[in-house]
């Protein structure tokens, strides 16, 4: 089995330019299922840009992105349901609980209700009734 047959994320010849400055220049990356990958480098080298492209939050100027064997542009909403991205800092309100933060964010994006948030928190081993603030 080749790496790409077992890949969950594939970038091919990825390029991205901002205001005439090339941030990504022909980047190839393959992430296989079950692997943890870290992007390491100095500020401004393109780490966050790669994540933003994979998450469908920004468009590349060239190249291809494949998620679970599908071109990113073919996926509904361009954000794969199997993918979650958390940028640093996460932007949580420290005076709220985890559940309260998720409820607020979900209501702003009109994505899920309280019951779904509770189900996901419990599925991830988190207690939605925990009164501890995140900050």
N, C-alpha and C. Protein backbone atom coordinates (compact mmCIF):
# COMPACT_ATOMS: atom_id res chain seq x y z
N UNK A 1 0.85 -1.18 0.00
CA UNK A 1 0.00 0.00 0.00
C UNK A 1 0.90 1.24 0.00
N UNK A 2 0.63 2.18 -0.90
CA UNK A 2 1.42 3.41 -0.95
C UNK A 2 0.95 4.37 0.12
N UNK A 3 1.77 5.37 0.40
CA UNK A 3 1.40 6.37 1.40
C UNK A 3 0.08 7.04 1.05
N UNK A 4 -0.13 7.38 -0.23
CA UNK A 4 -1.35 8.09 -0.61
C UNK A 4 -2.59 7.20 -0.51
N UNK A 5 -2.44 5.88 -0.61
CA UNK A 5 -3.60 5.00 -0.47
C UNK A 5 -4.08 4.97 0.98
N UNK A 6 -3.19 5.25 1.93
CA UNK A 6 -3.52 5.25 3.35
C UNK A 6 -3.63 6.68 3.90
N UNK A 7 -3.58 7.66 3.00
CA UNK A 7 -3.53 9.05 3.43
C UNK A 7 -4.91 9.60 3.75
N UNK A 8 -4.95 10.42 4.78
CA UNK A 8 -6.17 11.13 5.12
C UNK A 8 -6.09 12.57 4.61
N UNK A 9 -4.87 13.12 4.52
CA UNK A 9 -4.65 14.46 3.97
C UNK A 9 -3.50 14.38 2.98
N UNK A 10 -3.69 14.96 1.79
CA UNK A 10 -2.63 15.03 0.79
C UNK A 10 -2.61 16.45 0.22
N UNK A 11 -1.45 17.07 0.26
CA UNK A 11 -1.22 18.35 -0.42
C UNK A 11 -0.24 18.08 -1.54
N UNK A 12 -0.55 18.59 -2.73
CA UNK A 12 0.36 18.43 -3.87
C UNK A 12 0.65 19.79 -4.47
N UNK A 13 1.93 20.14 -4.50
CA UNK A 13 2.41 21.37 -5.13
C UNK A 13 1.62 22.61 -4.67
N UNK A 14 1.36 22.66 -3.36
CA UNK A 14 0.57 23.74 -2.77
C UNK A 14 1.33 25.06 -2.82
N UNK A 15 0.66 26.08 -3.35
CA UNK A 15 1.23 27.42 -3.35
C UNK A 15 0.22 28.41 -2.79
N UNK A 16 0.74 29.41 -2.11
CA UNK A 16 -0.12 30.47 -1.58
C UNK A 16 0.69 31.76 -1.55
N UNK A 17 0.07 32.82 -2.06
CA UNK A 17 0.69 34.13 -2.04
C UNK A 17 -0.24 35.12 -1.35
N UNK A 18 0.34 35.98 -0.55
CA UNK A 18 -0.38 37.08 0.08
C UNK A 18 0.29 38.38 -0.36
N UNK A 19 -0.49 39.25 -0.98
CA UNK A 19 0.01 40.57 -1.39
C UNK A 19 1.36 40.48 -2.09
N UNK A 20 1.46 39.56 -3.04
CA UNK A 20 2.68 39.42 -3.82
C UNK A 20 3.80 38.64 -3.15
N UNK A 21 3.62 38.25 -1.90
CA UNK A 21 4.64 37.48 -1.17
C UNK A 21 4.26 36.01 -1.19
N UNK A 22 5.17 35.16 -1.65
CA UNK A 22 4.93 33.72 -1.67
C UNK A 22 5.19 33.14 -0.29
N UNK A 23 4.13 32.55 0.30
CA UNK A 23 4.24 31.95 1.63
C UNK A 23 4.45 30.45 1.51
N UNK A 24 3.74 29.81 0.59
CA UNK A 24 3.92 28.38 0.31
C UNK A 24 4.33 28.25 -1.15
N UNK A 25 5.36 27.46 -1.39
CA UNK A 25 5.89 27.34 -2.75
C UNK A 25 6.10 25.87 -3.10
N UNK A 26 5.07 25.23 -3.66
CA UNK A 26 5.18 23.85 -4.09
C UNK A 26 5.25 22.85 -2.96
N UNK A 27 4.49 23.06 -1.89
CA UNK A 27 4.52 22.18 -0.72
C UNK A 27 3.80 20.86 -1.02
N UNK A 28 4.47 19.76 -0.73
CA UNK A 28 3.88 18.42 -0.79
C UNK A 28 3.85 17.88 0.63
N UNK A 29 2.70 17.34 1.04
CA UNK A 29 2.57 16.78 2.38
C UNK A 29 1.55 15.65 2.33
N UNK A 30 1.90 14.53 2.94
CA UNK A 30 0.98 13.40 3.06
C UNK A 30 0.88 13.03 4.53
N UNK A 31 -0.36 12.99 5.03
CA UNK A 31 -0.61 12.59 6.42
C UNK A 31 -1.43 11.31 6.38
N UNK A 32 -0.87 10.24 6.90
CA UNK A 32 -1.56 8.96 6.91
C UNK A 32 -2.51 8.85 8.10
N UNK A 33 -3.55 8.07 7.93
CA UNK A 33 -4.52 7.84 9.01
C UNK A 33 -3.80 7.30 10.23
N UNK A 34 -4.20 7.78 11.41
CA UNK A 34 -3.63 7.31 12.66
C UNK A 34 -2.31 7.95 13.04
N UNK A 35 -1.84 8.91 12.27
CA UNK A 35 -0.57 9.58 12.55
C UNK A 35 -0.82 10.96 13.15
N UNK A 36 0.11 11.39 13.96
CA UNK A 36 0.11 12.75 14.49
C UNK A 36 1.27 13.47 13.82
N UNK A 37 0.98 14.64 13.28
CA UNK A 37 2.00 15.40 12.55
C UNK A 37 2.10 16.78 13.16
N UNK A 38 3.32 17.23 13.38
CA UNK A 38 3.55 18.59 13.87
C UNK A 38 4.19 19.41 12.78
N UNK A 39 3.73 20.65 12.64
CA UNK A 39 4.34 21.59 11.72
C UNK A 39 5.21 22.53 12.54
N UNK A 40 6.50 22.51 12.28
CA UNK A 40 7.45 23.27 13.07
C UNK A 40 8.20 24.22 12.15
N UNK A 41 8.35 25.45 12.59
CA UNK A 41 9.11 26.42 11.83
C UNK A 41 8.93 27.80 12.41
N UNK A 42 9.70 28.75 11.90
CA UNK A 42 9.62 30.11 12.43
C UNK A 42 8.31 30.79 12.04
N UNK A 43 7.98 31.86 12.76
CA UNK A 43 6.80 32.64 12.42
C UNK A 43 6.88 33.10 10.96
N UNK A 44 5.75 32.99 10.28
CA UNK A 44 5.68 33.47 8.90
C UNK A 44 6.10 32.46 7.85
N UNK A 45 6.41 31.22 8.25
CA UNK A 45 6.88 30.24 7.26
C UNK A 45 5.75 29.48 6.57
N UNK A 46 4.48 29.65 7.05
CA UNK A 46 3.36 29.03 6.35
C UNK A 46 2.64 27.94 7.10
N UNK A 47 2.99 27.68 8.36
CA UNK A 47 2.34 26.60 9.12
C UNK A 47 0.84 26.83 9.23
N UNK A 48 0.44 28.00 9.68
CA UNK A 48 -0.98 28.31 9.84
C UNK A 48 -1.67 28.36 8.50
N UNK A 49 -0.99 28.83 7.48
CA UNK A 49 -1.57 28.88 6.13
C UNK A 49 -1.91 27.48 5.64
N UNK A 50 -1.03 26.52 5.88
CA UNK A 50 -1.32 25.13 5.50
C UNK A 50 -2.58 24.65 6.20
N UNK A 51 -2.68 24.89 7.51
CA UNK A 51 -3.86 24.45 8.25
C UNK A 51 -5.13 25.15 7.77
N UNK A 52 -5.03 26.43 7.47
CA UNK A 52 -6.20 27.18 6.98
C UNK A 52 -6.66 26.64 5.62
N UNK A 53 -5.73 26.25 4.77
CA UNK A 53 -6.09 25.69 3.46
C UNK A 53 -6.75 24.32 3.65
N UNK A 54 -6.14 23.46 4.47
CA UNK A 54 -6.70 22.13 4.72
C UNK A 54 -8.11 22.23 5.31
N UNK A 55 -8.32 23.22 6.18
CA UNK A 55 -9.63 23.40 6.82
C UNK A 55 -10.64 24.10 5.90
N UNK A 56 -10.19 24.51 4.72
CA UNK A 56 -11.10 25.17 3.79
C UNK A 56 -11.38 26.62 4.15
N UNK A 57 -10.54 27.21 4.99
CA UNK A 57 -10.76 28.59 5.43
C UNK A 57 -10.12 29.62 4.50
N UNK A 58 -9.18 29.18 3.68
CA UNK A 58 -8.58 30.04 2.66
C UNK A 58 -8.26 29.18 1.45
N UNK A 59 -8.23 29.80 0.30
CA UNK A 59 -7.99 29.07 -0.94
C UNK A 59 -6.51 29.18 -1.34
N UNK A 60 -5.93 28.09 -1.82
CA UNK A 60 -4.56 28.17 -2.31
C UNK A 60 -4.54 28.86 -3.67
N UNK A 61 -3.38 29.37 -4.06
CA UNK A 61 -3.22 29.93 -5.40
C UNK A 61 -2.92 28.84 -6.42
N UNK A 62 -2.45 27.69 -5.94
CA UNK A 62 -2.16 26.58 -6.83
C UNK A 62 -1.99 25.30 -6.05
N UNK A 63 -2.05 24.19 -6.75
CA UNK A 63 -1.88 22.90 -6.11
C UNK A 63 -3.20 22.23 -5.80
N UNK A 64 -3.12 21.07 -5.17
CA UNK A 64 -4.31 20.28 -4.86
C UNK A 64 -4.33 19.91 -3.38
N UNK A 65 -5.56 19.81 -2.83
CA UNK A 65 -5.78 19.35 -1.47
C UNK A 65 -6.77 18.20 -1.53
N UNK A 66 -6.40 17.07 -0.93
CA UNK A 66 -7.27 15.90 -0.87
C UNK A 66 -7.49 15.54 0.59
N UNK A 67 -8.74 15.33 0.97
CA UNK A 67 -9.09 14.91 2.32
C UNK A 67 -9.89 13.62 2.20
N UNK A 68 -9.44 12.57 2.87
CA UNK A 68 -10.11 11.26 2.80
C UNK A 68 -10.37 10.82 1.37
N UNK A 69 -9.43 11.08 0.48
CA UNK A 69 -9.54 10.64 -0.91
C UNK A 69 -10.40 11.51 -1.80
N UNK A 70 -10.86 12.65 -1.30
CA UNK A 70 -11.71 13.55 -2.09
C UNK A 70 -11.02 14.90 -2.24
N UNK A 71 -11.09 15.49 -3.44
CA UNK A 71 -10.55 16.85 -3.59
C UNK A 71 -11.32 17.80 -2.67
N UNK A 72 -10.62 18.69 -2.01
CA UNK A 72 -11.26 19.58 -1.05
C UNK A 72 -12.40 20.37 -1.67
N UNK A 73 -12.24 20.81 -2.91
CA UNK A 73 -13.30 21.61 -3.54
C UNK A 73 -14.57 20.81 -3.81
N UNK A 74 -14.52 19.48 -3.73
CA UNK A 74 -15.71 18.64 -3.92
C UNK A 74 -16.49 18.41 -2.63
N UNK A 75 -15.91 18.78 -1.49
CA UNK A 75 -16.56 18.51 -0.21
C UNK A 75 -17.56 19.60 0.12
N UNK A 76 -18.76 19.22 0.60
CA UNK A 76 -19.77 20.21 0.94
C UNK A 76 -19.26 21.19 1.98
N UNK A 77 -19.41 22.48 1.71
CA UNK A 77 -18.98 23.50 2.65
C UNK A 77 -17.47 23.64 2.75
N UNK A 78 -16.72 22.85 1.99
CA UNK A 78 -15.27 22.87 1.96
C UNK A 78 -14.61 22.59 3.31
N UNK A 79 -15.38 22.21 4.33
CA UNK A 79 -14.80 21.85 5.63
C UNK A 79 -15.21 20.43 5.92
N UNK A 80 -14.29 19.48 5.79
CA UNK A 80 -14.63 18.09 6.03
C UNK A 80 -15.17 17.86 7.44
N UNK A 81 -16.22 17.11 7.54
CA UNK A 81 -16.83 16.84 8.85
C UNK A 81 -15.87 16.07 9.75
N UNK A 82 -14.93 15.33 9.15
CA UNK A 82 -13.99 14.53 9.94
C UNK A 82 -12.80 15.35 10.43
N UNK A 83 -12.78 16.64 10.12
CA UNK A 83 -11.62 17.47 10.42
C UNK A 83 -11.98 18.55 11.43
N UNK A 84 -11.13 18.73 12.41
CA UNK A 84 -11.28 19.84 13.35
C UNK A 84 -9.95 20.56 13.47
N UNK A 85 -9.99 21.86 13.51
CA UNK A 85 -8.78 22.66 13.60
C UNK A 85 -8.95 23.66 14.72
N UNK A 86 -7.96 23.76 15.58
CA UNK A 86 -7.97 24.73 16.66
C UNK A 86 -6.71 25.56 16.54
N UNK A 87 -6.88 26.84 16.27
CA UNK A 87 -5.73 27.73 16.16
C UNK A 87 -5.41 28.33 17.52
N UNK A 88 -4.16 28.64 17.76
CA UNK A 88 -3.72 29.20 19.02
C UNK A 88 -3.72 30.71 18.91
N UNK A 89 -4.28 31.45 19.83
CA UNK A 89 -5.03 31.02 20.99
C UNK A 89 -6.45 30.63 20.60
N UNK A 90 -7.08 29.75 21.36
CA UNK A 90 -8.39 29.26 20.96
C UNK A 90 -9.51 30.29 21.07
N UNK A 91 -9.32 31.37 21.80
CA UNK A 91 -10.34 32.41 21.88
C UNK A 91 -11.51 32.06 22.78
N UNK A 92 -11.28 31.24 23.79
CA UNK A 92 -12.35 30.91 24.74
C UNK A 92 -12.48 32.04 25.76
N UNK A 93 -13.68 32.21 26.26
CA UNK A 93 -13.92 33.20 27.30
C UNK A 93 -13.65 32.54 28.65
N UNK A 94 -12.65 33.03 29.40
CA UNK A 94 -12.21 32.35 30.61
C UNK A 94 -13.24 32.33 31.74
N UNK A 95 -14.21 33.23 31.72
CA UNK A 95 -15.20 33.28 32.80
C UNK A 95 -16.39 32.34 32.54
N UNK A 96 -16.34 31.59 31.41
CA UNK A 96 -17.40 30.63 31.09
C UNK A 96 -16.87 29.20 31.22
N UNK A 97 -17.78 28.26 31.39
CA UNK A 97 -17.41 26.84 31.40
C UNK A 97 -17.18 26.38 29.96
N UNK A 98 -16.64 25.18 29.82
CA UNK A 98 -16.45 24.63 28.48
C UNK A 98 -17.76 24.53 27.73
N UNK A 99 -18.80 24.02 28.38
CA UNK A 99 -20.11 23.90 27.75
C UNK A 99 -20.64 25.28 27.35
N UNK A 100 -20.50 26.26 28.22
CA UNK A 100 -21.01 27.61 27.91
C UNK A 100 -20.26 28.21 26.72
N UNK A 101 -18.96 28.00 26.64
CA UNK A 101 -18.19 28.49 25.50
C UNK A 101 -18.66 27.83 24.21
N UNK A 102 -18.82 26.50 24.23
CA UNK A 102 -19.27 25.80 23.03
C UNK A 102 -20.67 26.21 22.62
N UNK A 103 -21.55 26.38 23.59
CA UNK A 103 -22.93 26.81 23.30
C UNK A 103 -22.93 28.19 22.64
N UNK A 104 -22.12 29.10 23.16
CA UNK A 104 -22.05 30.43 22.58
C UNK A 104 -21.51 30.39 21.14
N UNK A 105 -20.42 29.66 20.94
CA UNK A 105 -19.84 29.56 19.59
C UNK A 105 -20.80 28.90 18.61
N UNK A 106 -21.49 27.85 19.05
CA UNK A 106 -22.46 27.17 18.18
C UNK A 106 -23.61 28.09 17.82
N UNK A 107 -24.05 28.91 18.77
CA UNK A 107 -25.18 29.81 18.48
C UNK A 107 -24.76 30.91 17.50
N UNK A 108 -23.52 31.35 17.59
CA UNK A 108 -23.04 32.38 16.66
C UNK A 108 -22.97 31.85 15.23
N UNK A 109 -22.62 30.58 15.09
CA UNK A 109 -22.50 29.96 13.77
C UNK A 109 -23.76 29.21 13.34
N UNK A 110 -24.74 29.13 14.24
CA UNK A 110 -26.01 28.43 13.96
C UNK A 110 -25.76 27.00 13.48
N UNK A 111 -24.89 26.27 14.20
CA UNK A 111 -24.53 24.93 13.74
C UNK A 111 -25.21 23.80 14.50
N UNK A 112 -25.19 23.80 15.81
CA UNK A 112 -25.81 22.71 16.57
C UNK A 112 -26.46 23.28 17.83
N UNK A 113 -27.35 22.50 18.40
CA UNK A 113 -28.02 22.90 19.63
C UNK A 113 -27.35 22.31 20.86
N UNK A 114 -27.93 22.62 22.02
CA UNK A 114 -27.36 22.19 23.29
C UNK A 114 -27.27 20.67 23.42
N UNK A 115 -28.28 19.96 22.95
CA UNK A 115 -28.27 18.49 23.07
C UNK A 115 -27.09 17.90 22.29
N UNK A 116 -26.83 18.42 21.12
CA UNK A 116 -25.71 17.92 20.31
C UNK A 116 -24.38 18.25 20.96
N UNK A 117 -24.26 19.43 21.53
CA UNK A 117 -23.03 19.81 22.24
C UNK A 117 -22.79 18.86 23.40
N UNK A 118 -23.85 18.57 24.16
CA UNK A 118 -23.73 17.64 25.30
C UNK A 118 -23.28 16.25 24.83
N UNK A 119 -23.90 15.76 23.74
CA UNK A 119 -23.54 14.43 23.20
C UNK A 119 -22.06 14.39 22.83
N UNK A 120 -21.58 15.42 22.14
CA UNK A 120 -20.18 15.43 21.70
C UNK A 120 -19.23 15.56 22.88
N UNK A 121 -19.58 16.39 23.84
CA UNK A 121 -18.71 16.52 25.01
C UNK A 121 -18.58 15.19 25.73
N UNK A 122 -19.70 14.50 25.93
CA UNK A 122 -19.66 13.20 26.61
C UNK A 122 -18.90 12.18 25.78
N UNK A 123 -19.07 12.22 24.47
CA UNK A 123 -18.35 11.30 23.59
C UNK A 123 -16.83 11.50 23.71
N UNK A 124 -16.42 12.75 23.97
CA UNK A 124 -15.00 13.07 24.11
C UNK A 124 -14.51 12.96 25.55
N UNK A 125 -15.37 12.46 26.44
CA UNK A 125 -14.97 12.26 27.82
C UNK A 125 -15.01 13.53 28.66
N UNK A 126 -15.75 14.53 28.20
CA UNK A 126 -15.88 15.79 28.93
C UNK A 126 -17.26 15.86 29.57
N UNK A 127 -17.33 16.45 30.74
CA UNK A 127 -18.59 16.57 31.45
C UNK A 127 -19.24 17.92 31.14
N UNK A 128 -20.35 17.93 30.41
CA UNK A 128 -20.98 19.21 30.07
C UNK A 128 -21.53 19.94 31.29
N UNK A 129 -21.71 19.24 32.40
CA UNK A 129 -22.23 19.87 33.61
C UNK A 129 -21.12 20.34 34.56
N UNK A 130 -19.89 20.20 34.15
CA UNK A 130 -18.76 20.67 34.95
C UNK A 130 -18.85 22.19 35.07
N UNK A 131 -18.83 22.70 36.28
CA UNK A 131 -19.01 24.13 36.53
C UNK A 131 -17.69 24.91 36.52
N UNK A 132 -16.59 24.20 36.26
CA UNK A 132 -15.27 24.84 36.26
C UNK A 132 -15.12 25.75 35.03
N UNK A 133 -14.65 26.95 35.26
CA UNK A 133 -14.41 27.89 34.16
C UNK A 133 -13.13 27.50 33.43
N UNK A 134 -13.04 27.83 32.16
CA UNK A 134 -11.88 27.43 31.36
C UNK A 134 -10.65 28.26 31.67
N UNK A 135 -10.85 29.44 32.27
CA UNK A 135 -9.71 30.34 32.51
C UNK A 135 -9.16 30.26 33.90
